[in-house]
Amino acid sequence: MPKFKAEINVMPLKALLDPQGKAVTGSMKNIGLAEITNVRIGKHISLEVEASSKEAAQKKAEESCKKLLSNPIMEYFELTIEASK
């Protein structure tokens, strides 16, 4: 069965406060980088999916994001799928 690689970015919802990003934004001024603002911090996940098609792999990866890898109350996710090499 073919393998596909999923690249997933999970980020806090834009409407919610990101305390970690806010702290990093504040620290930018302290290190002379005041022109860097609005830092948002999330996570990046890579995984491999065995599936019969790219569409099936996309569906499985989305299911993993909705059920385990992200919290839809506080986060959103973006994912891309490509054939594994």
PDB file of N, CA and C in Angstrom:
ATOM      1  N   MET A   1       0.856  -1.189   0.000  1.00  0.00           N
ATOM      2  CA  MET A   1       0.000   0.000   0.000  1.00  0.00           C
ATOM      3  C   MET A   1       0.899   1.249   0.000  1.00  0.00           C
ATOM      4  N   PRO A   2       0.556   2.242  -0.795  1.00  0.00           N
ATOM      5  CA  PRO A   2       1.373   3.467  -0.851  1.00  0.00           C
ATOM      6  C   PRO A   2       1.413   4.203   0.488  1.00  0.00           C
ATOM      7  N   LYS A   3       2.512   4.923   0.688  1.00  0.00           N
ATOM      8  CA  LYS A   3       2.664   5.747   1.884  1.00  0.00           C
ATOM      9  C   LYS A   3       2.646   7.214   1.496  1.00  0.00           C
ATOM     10  N   PHE A   4       2.057   8.013   2.362  1.00  0.00           N
ATOM     11  CA  PHE A   4       1.974   9.451   2.162  1.00  0.00           C
ATOM     12  C   PHE A   4       2.514  10.144   3.399  1.00  0.00           C
ATOM     13  N   LYS A   5       3.126  11.296   3.180  1.00  0.00           N
ATOM     14  CA  LYS A   5       3.663  12.080   4.285  1.00  0.00           C
ATOM     15  C   LYS A   5       2.731  13.250   4.550  1.00  0.00           C
ATOM     16  N   ALA A   6       2.368  13.408   5.811  1.00  0.00           N
ATOM     17  CA  ALA A   6       1.525  14.534   6.231  1.00  0.00           C
ATOM     18  C   ALA A   6       2.380  15.506   7.035  1.00  0.00           C
ATOM     19  N   GLU A   7       2.268  16.768   6.716  1.00  0.00           N
ATOM     20  CA  GLU A   7       2.898  17.853   7.472  1.00  0.00           C
ATOM     21  C   GLU A   7       1.765  18.667   8.073  1.00  0.00           C
ATOM     22  N   ILE A   8       1.756  18.763   9.393  1.00  0.00           N
ATOM     23  CA  ILE A   8       0.637  19.381  10.108  1.00  0.00           C
ATOM     24  C   ILE A   8       1.141  20.525  10.984  1.00  0.00           C
ATOM     25  N   ASN A   9       0.489  21.662  10.890  1.00  0.00           N
ATOM     26  CA  ASN A   9       0.742  22.788  11.787  1.00  0.00           C
ATOM     27  C   ASN A   9      -0.489  22.991  12.654  1.00  0.00           C
ATOM     28  N   VAL A  10      -0.275  23.006  13.964  1.00  0.00           N
ATOM     29  CA  VAL A  10      -1.351  23.243  14.919  1.00  0.00           C
ATOM     30  C   VAL A  10      -1.034  24.566  15.614  1.00  0.00           C
ATOM     31  N   MET A  11      -1.990  25.485  15.560  1.00  0.00           N
ATOM     32  CA  MET A  11      -1.786  26.829  16.117  1.00  0.00           C
ATOM     33  C   MET A  11      -2.960  27.214  17.009  1.00  0.00           C
ATOM     34  N   PRO A  12      -2.707  28.104  17.986  1.00  0.00           N
ATOM     35  CA  PRO A  12      -3.824  28.602  18.795  1.00  0.00           C
ATOM     36  C   PRO A  12      -4.788  29.403  17.916  1.00  0.00           C
ATOM     37  N   LEU A  13      -6.066  29.323  18.225  1.00  0.00           N
ATOM     38  CA  LEU A  13      -7.047  30.123  17.490  1.00  0.00           C
ATOM     39  C   LEU A  13      -6.667  31.594  17.586  1.00  0.00           C
ATOM     40  N   LYS A  14      -6.852  32.313  16.495  1.00  0.00           N
ATOM     41  CA  LYS A  14      -6.456  33.722  16.449  1.00  0.00           C
ATOM     42  C   LYS A  14      -7.190  34.565  17.495  1.00  0.00           C
ATOM     43  N   ALA A  15      -8.408  34.184  17.836  1.00  0.00           N
ATOM     44  CA  ALA A  15      -9.194  34.951  18.804  1.00  0.00           C
ATOM     45  C   ALA A  15      -8.730  34.730  20.246  1.00  0.00           C
ATOM     46  N   LEU A  16      -7.903  33.714  20.481  1.00  0.00           N
ATOM     47  CA  LEU A  16      -7.476  33.402  21.848  1.00  0.00           C
ATOM     48  C   LEU A  16      -6.096  33.979  22.140  1.00  0.00           C
ATOM     49  N   LEU A  17      -5.898  34.316  23.388  1.00  0.00           N
ATOM     50  CA  LEU A  17      -4.598  34.781  23.851  1.00  0.00           C
ATOM     51  C   LEU A  17      -3.585  33.637  23.741  1.00  0.00           C
ATOM     52  N   ASP A  18      -2.389  33.947  23.279  1.00  0.00           N
ATOM     53  CA  ASP A  18      -1.294  32.972  23.205  1.00  0.00           C
ATOM     54  C   ASP A  18      -0.223  33.439  24.192  1.00  0.00           C
ATOM     55  N   PRO A  19      -0.283  32.975  25.469  1.00  0.00           N
ATOM     56  CA  PRO A  19       0.642  33.479  26.489  1.00  0.00           C
ATOM     57  C   PRO A  19       2.105  33.248  26.136  1.00  0.00           C
ATOM     58  N   GLN A  20       2.408  32.106  25.538  1.00  0.00           N
ATOM     59  CA  GLN A  20       3.794  31.823  25.159  1.00  0.00           C
ATOM     60  C   GLN A  20       4.253  32.790  24.060  1.00  0.00           C
ATOM     61  N   GLY A  21       3.407  33.015  23.074  1.00  0.00           N
ATOM     62  CA  GLY A  21       3.734  33.952  22.006  1.00  0.00           C
ATOM     63  C   GLY A  21       3.863  35.375  22.527  1.00  0.00           C
ATOM     64  N   LYS A  22       2.998  35.744  23.463  1.00  0.00           N
ATOM     65  CA  LYS A  22       3.056  37.092  24.053  1.00  0.00           C
ATOM     66  C   LYS A  22       4.369  37.289  24.804  1.00  0.00           C
ATOM     67  N   ALA A  23       4.807  36.276  25.549  1.00  0.00           N
ATOM     68  CA  ALA A  23       6.069  36.366  26.283  1.00  0.00           C
ATOM     69  C   ALA A  23       7.250  36.515  25.326  1.00  0.00           C
ATOM     70  N   VAL A  24       7.221  35.753  24.234  1.00  0.00           N
ATOM     71  CA  VAL A  24       8.311  35.849  23.255  1.00  0.00           C
ATOM     72  C   VAL A  24       8.284  37.211  22.573  1.00  0.00           C
ATOM     73  N   THR A  25       7.106  37.705  22.245  1.00  0.00           N
ATOM     74  CA  THR A  25       6.993  39.033  21.636  1.00  0.00           C
ATOM     75  C   THR A  25       7.613  40.083  22.552  1.00  0.00           C
ATOM     76  N   GLY A  26       7.296  40.004  23.853  1.00  0.00           N
ATOM     77  CA  GLY A  26       7.870  40.947  24.821  1.00  0.00           C
ATOM     78  C   GLY A  26       9.381  40.845  24.899  1.00  0.00           C
ATOM     79  N   SER A  27       9.899  39.635  24.792  1.00  0.00           N
ATOM     80  CA  SER A  27      11.351  39.428  24.865  1.00  0.00           C
ATOM     81  C   SER A  27      12.079  39.954  23.630  1.00  0.00           C
ATOM     82  N   MET A  28      11.388  40.044  22.514  1.00  0.00           N
ATOM     83  CA  MET A  28      12.028  40.555  21.293  1.00  0.00           C
ATOM     84  C   MET A  28      12.569  41.966  21.522  1.00  0.00           C
ATOM     85  N   LYS A  29      11.818  42.792  22.249  1.00  0.00           N
ATOM     86  CA  LYS A  29      12.266  44.162  22.546  1.00  0.00           C
ATOM     87  C   LYS A  29      13.552  44.136  23.359  1.00  0.00           C
ATOM     88  N   ASN A  30      13.627  43.201  24.313  1.00  0.00           N
ATOM     89  CA  ASN A  30      14.795  43.114  25.199  1.00  0.00           C
ATOM     90  C   ASN A  30      16.077  42.712  24.470  1.00  0.00           C
ATOM     91  N   ILE A  31      15.933  42.046  23.330  1.00  0.00           N
ATOM     92  CA  ILE A  31      17.137  41.617  22.597  1.00  0.00           C
ATOM     93  C   ILE A  31      17.364  42.451  21.336  1.00  0.00           C
ATOM     94  N   GLY A  32      16.704  43.611  21.300  1.00  0.00           N
ATOM     95  CA  GLY A  32      16.937  44.539  20.195  1.00  0.00           C
ATOM     96  C   GLY A  32      16.180  44.221  18.918  1.00  0.00           C
ATOM     97  N   LEU A  33      15.089  43.470  19.030  1.00  0.00           N
ATOM     98  CA  LEU A  33      14.303  43.119  17.845  1.00  0.00           C
ATOM     99  C   LEU A  33      12.859  43.588  17.998  1.00  0.00           C
ATOM    100  N   ALA A  34      12.691  44.847  18.380  1.00  0.00           N
ATOM    101  CA  ALA A  34      11.359  45.403  18.643  1.00  0.00           C
ATOM    102  C   ALA A  34      10.468  45.402  17.403  1.00  0.00           C
ATOM    103  N   GLU A  35      11.062  45.296  16.223  1.00  0.00           N
ATOM    104  CA  GLU A  35      10.254  45.286  14.999  1.00  0.00           C
ATOM    105  C   GLU A  35       9.558  43.935  14.768  1.00  0.00           C
ATOM    106  N   ILE A  36       9.874  42.927  15.572  1.00  0.00           N
ATOM    107  CA  ILE A  36       9.183  41.632  15.491  1.00  0.00           C
ATOM    108  C   ILE A  36       8.066  41.643  16.524  1.00  0.00           C
ATOM    109  N   THR A  37       6.821  41.505  16.033  1.00  0.00           N
ATOM    110  CA  THR A  37       5.657  41.570  16.908  1.00  0.00           C
ATOM    111  C   THR A  37       4.680  40.434  16.590  1.00  0.00           C
ATOM    112  N   ASN A  38       3.685  40.298  17.438  1.00  0.00           N
ATOM    113  CA  ASN A  38       2.586  39.359  17.231  1.00  0.00           C
ATOM    114  C   ASN A  38       3.066  37.918  16.998  1.00  0.00           C
ATOM    115  N   VAL A  39       3.994  37.462  17.827  1.00  0.00           N
ATOM    116  CA  VAL A  39       4.499  36.091  17.733  1.00  0.00           C
ATOM    117  C   VAL A  39       3.400  35.135  18.194  1.00  0.00           C
ATOM    118  N   ARG A  40       3.167  34.081  17.442  1.00  0.00           N
ATOM    119  CA  ARG A  40       2.225  33.012  17.800  1.00  0.00           C
ATOM    120  C   ARG A  40       3.018  31.715  17.803  1.00  0.00           C
ATOM    121  N   ILE A  41       2.859  30.918  18.816  1.00  0.00           N
ATOM    122  CA  ILE A  41       3.625  29.687  18.939  1.00  0.00           C
ATOM    123  C   ILE A  41       2.679  28.495  18.916  1.00  0.00           C
ATOM    124  N   GLY A  42       3.010  27.525  18.070  1.00  0.00           N
ATOM    125  CA  GLY A  42       2.214  26.305  17.945  1.00  0.00           C
ATOM    126  C   GLY A  42       3.134  25.104  17.877  1.00  0.00           C
ATOM    127  N   LYS A  43       2.684  24.089  17.162  1.00  0.00           N
ATOM    128  CA  LYS A  43       3.503  22.885  17.012  1.00  0.00           C
ATOM    129  C   LYS A  43       3.417  22.380  15.573  1.00  0.00           C
ATOM    130  N   HIS A  44       4.490  21.704  15.162  1.00  0.00           N
ATOM    131  CA  HIS A  44       4.562  21.100  13.833  1.00  0.00           C
ATOM    132  C   HIS A  44       4.683  19.598  14.013  1.00  0.00           C
ATOM    133  N   ILE A  45       3.876  18.847  13.265  1.00  0.00           N
ATOM    134  CA  ILE A  45       3.861  17.391  13.364  1.00  0.00           C
ATOM    135  C   ILE A  45       4.029  16.809  11.968  1.00  0.00           C
ATOM    136  N   SER A  46       4.928  15.841  11.838  1.00  0.00           N
ATOM    137  CA  SER A  46       5.102  15.089  10.596  1.00  0.00           C
ATOM    138  C   SER A  46       4.709  13.652  10.871  1.00  0.00           C
ATOM    139  N   LEU A  47       3.980  13.055   9.945  1.00  0.00           N
ATOM    140  CA  LEU A  47       3.640  11.641  10.098  1.00  0.00           C
ATOM    141  C   LEU A  47       3.484  10.980   8.742  1.00  0.00           C
ATOM    142  N   GLU A  48       3.545   9.658   8.741  1.00  0.00           N
ATOM    143  CA  GLU A  48       3.357   8.883   7.528  1.00  0.00           C
ATOM    144  C   GLU A  48       2.045   8.131   7.623  1.00  0.00           C
ATOM    145  N   VAL A  49       1.336   8.062   6.505  1.00  0.00           N
ATOM    146  CA  VAL A  49       0.043   7.386   6.451  1.00  0.00           C
ATOM    147  C   VAL A  49       0.071   6.372   5.316  1.00  0.00           C
ATOM    148  N   GLU A  50      -0.275   5.138   5.603  1.00  0.00           N
ATOM    149  CA  GLU A  50      -0.470   4.145   4.551  1.00  0.00           C
ATOM    150  C   GLU A  50      -1.923   4.241   4.116  1.00  0.00           C
ATOM    151  N   ALA A  51      -2.135   4.450   2.830  1.00  0.00           N
ATOM    152  CA  ALA A  51      -3.502   4.598   2.327  1.00  0.00           C
ATOM    153  C   ALA A  51      -3.534   4.256   0.843  1.00  0.00           C
ATOM    154  N   SER A  52      -4.716   3.948   0.357  1.00  0.00           N
ATOM    155  CA  SER A  52      -4.875   3.559  -1.052  1.00  0.00           C
ATOM    156  C   SER A  52      -4.780   4.746  -1.997  1.00  0.00           C
ATOM    157  N   SER A  53      -5.014   5.969  -1.482  1.00  0.00           N
ATOM    158  CA  SER A  53      -4.971   7.169  -2.324  1.00  0.00           C
ATOM    159  C   SER A  53      -4.593   8.380  -1.484  1.00  0.00           C
ATOM    160  N   LYS A  54      -4.252   9.463  -2.178  1.00  0.00           N
ATOM    161  CA  LYS A  54      -3.933  10.714  -1.477  1.00  0.00           C
ATOM    162  C   LYS A  54      -5.160  11.208  -0.696  1.00  0.00           C
ATOM    163  N   GLU A  55      -6.337  11.059  -1.284  1.00  0.00           N
ATOM    164  CA  GLU A  55      -7.564  11.501  -0.630  1.00  0.00           C
ATOM    165  C   GLU A  55      -7.818  10.706   0.650  1.00  0.00           C
ATOM    166  N   ALA A  56      -7.577   9.392   0.607  1.00  0.00           N
ATOM    167  CA  ALA A  56      -7.762   8.556   1.800  1.00  0.00           C
ATOM    168  C   ALA A  56      -6.749   8.932   2.872  1.00  0.00           C
ATOM    169  N   ALA A  57      -5.520   9.213   2.461  1.00  0.00           N
ATOM    170  CA  ALA A  57      -4.482   9.635   3.413  1.00  0.00           C
ATOM    171  C   ALA A  57      -4.867  10.968   4.050  1.00  0.00           C
ATOM    172  N   GLN A  58      -5.383  11.888   3.255  1.00  0.00           N
ATOM    173  CA  GLN A  58      -5.827  13.196   3.755  1.00  0.00           C
ATOM    174  C   GLN A  58      -6.913  13.000   4.820  1.00  0.00           C
ATOM    175  N   LYS A  59      -7.856  12.127   4.531  1.00  0.00           N
ATOM    176  CA  LYS A  59      -8.961  11.881   5.453  1.00  0.00           C
ATOM    177  C   LYS A  59      -8.454  11.307   6.782  1.00  0.00           C
ATOM    178  N   LYS A  60      -7.532  10.347   6.710  1.00  0.00           N
ATOM    179  CA  LYS A  60      -6.972   9.745   7.928  1.00  0.00           C
ATOM    180  C   LYS A  60      -6.184  10.772   8.735  1.00  0.00           C
ATOM    181  N   ALA A  61      -5.382  11.594   8.070  1.00  0.00           N
ATOM    182  CA  ALA A  61      -4.590  12.614   8.764  1.00  0.00           C
ATOM    183  C   ALA A  61      -5.510  13.642   9.426  1.00  0.00           C
ATOM    184  N   GLU A  62      -6.563  14.050   8.723  1.00  0.00           N
ATOM    185  CA  GLU A  62      -7.526  14.991   9.308  1.00  0.00           C
ATOM    186  C   GLU A  62      -8.193  14.383  10.536  1.00  0.00           C
ATOM    187  N   GLU A  63      -8.537  13.107  10.470  1.00  0.00           N
ATOM    188  CA  GLU A  63      -9.163  12.430  11.607  1.00  0.00           C
ATOM    189  C   GLU A  63      -8.216  12.421  12.810  1.00  0.00           C
ATOM    190  N   SER A  64      -6.913  12.178  12.544  1.00  0.00           N
ATOM    191  CA  SER A  64      -5.942  12.173  13.655  1.00  0.00           C
ATOM    192  C   SER A  64      -5.837  13.558  14.290  1.00  0.00           C
ATOM    193  N   CYS A  65      -5.926  14.592  13.468  1.00  0.00           N
ATOM    194  CA  CYS A  65      -5.872  15.966  13.999  1.00  0.00           C
ATOM    195  C   CYS A  65      -7.093  16.273  14.855  1.00  0.00           C
ATOM    196  N   LYS A  66      -8.265  15.887  14.366  1.00  0.00           N
ATOM    197  CA  LYS A  66      -9.508  16.192  15.079  1.00  0.00           C
ATOM    198  C   LYS A  66      -9.643  15.395  16.371  1.00  0.00           C
ATOM    199  N   LYS A  67      -9.140  14.144  16.370  1.00  0.00           N
ATOM    200  CA  LYS A  67      -9.345  13.270  17.532  1.00  0.00           C
ATOM    201  C   LYS A  67      -8.217  13.312  18.547  1.00  0.00           C
ATOM    202  N   LEU A  68      -6.992  13.692  18.107  1.00  0.00           N
ATOM    203  CA  LEU A  68      -5.871  13.578  19.029  1.00  0.00           C
ATOM    204  C   LEU A  68      -4.871  14.730  18.972  1.00  0.00           C
ATOM    205  N   LEU A  69      -4.507  15.177  17.790  1.00  0.00           N
ATOM    206  CA  LEU A  69      -3.367  16.089  17.659  1.00  0.00           C
ATOM    207  C   LEU A  69      -3.697  17.554  17.918  1.00  0.00           C
ATOM    208  N   SER A  70      -4.972  17.924  17.879  1.00  0.00           N
ATOM    209  CA  SER A  70      -5.340  19.312  18.157  1.00  0.00           C
ATOM    210  C   SER A  70      -6.581  19.350  19.033  1.00  0.00           C
ATOM    211  N   ASN A  71      -6.749  20.470  19.715  1.00  0.00           N
ATOM    212  CA  ASN A  71      -7.922  20.701  20.546  1.00  0.00           C
ATOM    213  C   ASN A  71      -8.768  21.762  19.834  1.00  0.00           C
ATOM    214  N   PRO A  72      -9.863  21.361  19.189  1.00  0.00           N
ATOM    215  CA  PRO A  72     -10.634  22.309  18.373  1.00  0.00           C
ATOM    216  C   PRO A  72     -11.219  23.482  19.155  1.00  0.00           C
ATOM    217  N   ILE A  73     -11.276  23.384  20.472  1.00  0.00           N
ATOM    218  CA  ILE A  73     -11.789  24.489  21.287  1.00  0.00           C
ATOM    219  C   ILE A  73     -10.758  25.623  21.338  1.00  0.00           C
ATOM    220  N   MET A  74      -9.464  25.258  21.268  1.00  0.00           N
ATOM    221  CA  MET A  74      -8.401  26.251  21.427  1.00  0.00           C
ATOM    222  C   MET A  74      -7.457  26.367  20.227  1.00  0.00           C
ATOM    223  N   GLU A  75      -7.512  25.401  19.307  1.00  0.00           N
ATOM    224  CA  GLU A  75      -6.517  25.354  18.226  1.00  0.00           C
ATOM    225  C   GLU A  75      -7.177  25.069  16.882  1.00  0.00           C
ATOM    226  N   TYR A  76      -6.460  25.431  15.836  1.00  0.00           N
ATOM    227  CA  TYR A  76      -6.836  25.021  14.483  1.00  0.00           C
ATOM    228  C   TYR A  76      -5.627  24.331  13.880  1.00  0.00           C
ATOM    229  N   PHE A  77      -5.846  23.573  12.814  1.00  0.00           N
ATOM    230  CA  PHE A  77      -4.742  22.891  12.159  1.00  0.00           C
ATOM    231  C   PHE A  77      -4.798  23.099  10.652  1.00  0.00           C
ATOM    232  N   GLU A  78      -3.638  23.031  10.049  1.00  0.00           N
ATOM    233  CA  GLU A  78      -3.483  23.051   8.594  1.00  0.00           C
ATOM    234  C   GLU A  78      -2.631  21.851   8.251  1.00  0.00           C
ATOM    235  N   LEU A  79      -2.977  21.145   7.176  1.00  0.00           N
ATOM    236  CA  LEU A  79      -2.160  20.001   6.824  1.00  0.00           C
ATOM    237  C   LEU A  79      -1.984  19.880   5.326  1.00  0.00           C
ATOM    238  N   THR A  80      -0.837  19.328   4.950  1.00  0.00           N
ATOM    239  CA  THR A  80      -0.555  19.021   3.553  1.00  0.00           C
ATOM    240  C   THR A  80      -0.167  17.559   3.473  1.00  0.00           C
ATOM    241  N   ILE A  81      -0.520  16.939   2.351  1.00  0.00           N
ATOM    242  CA  ILE A  81      -0.218  15.516   2.105  1.00  0.00           C
ATOM    243  C   ILE A  81       0.541  15.421   0.792  1.00  0.00           C
ATOM    244  N   GLU A  82       1.582  14.610   0.800  1.00  0.00           N
ATOM    245  CA  GLU A  82       2.279  14.313  -0.453  1.00  0.00           C
ATOM    246  C   GLU A  82       2.765  12.876  -0.413  1.00  0.00           C
ATOM    247  N   ALA A  83       3.032  12.320  -1.576  1.00  0.00           N
ATOM    248  CA  ALA A  83       3.535  10.954  -1.650  1.00  0.00           C
ATOM    249  C   ALA A  83       4.866  10.855  -0.914  1.00  0.00           C
ATOM    250  N   SER A  84       5.024   9.804  -0.135  1.00  0.00           N
ATOM    251  CA  SER A  84       6.264   9.598   0.622  1.00  0.00           C
ATOM    252  C   SER A  84       7.331   9.084  -0.329  1.00  0.00           C
ATOM    253  N   LYS A  85       8.560   9.523  -0.095  1.00  0.00           N
ATOM    254  CA  LYS A  85       9.661   9.109  -0.965  1.00  0.00           C
ATOM    255  C   LYS A  85      10.516   8.087  -0.318  1.00  0.00           C
TER     256      LYS A  85
END
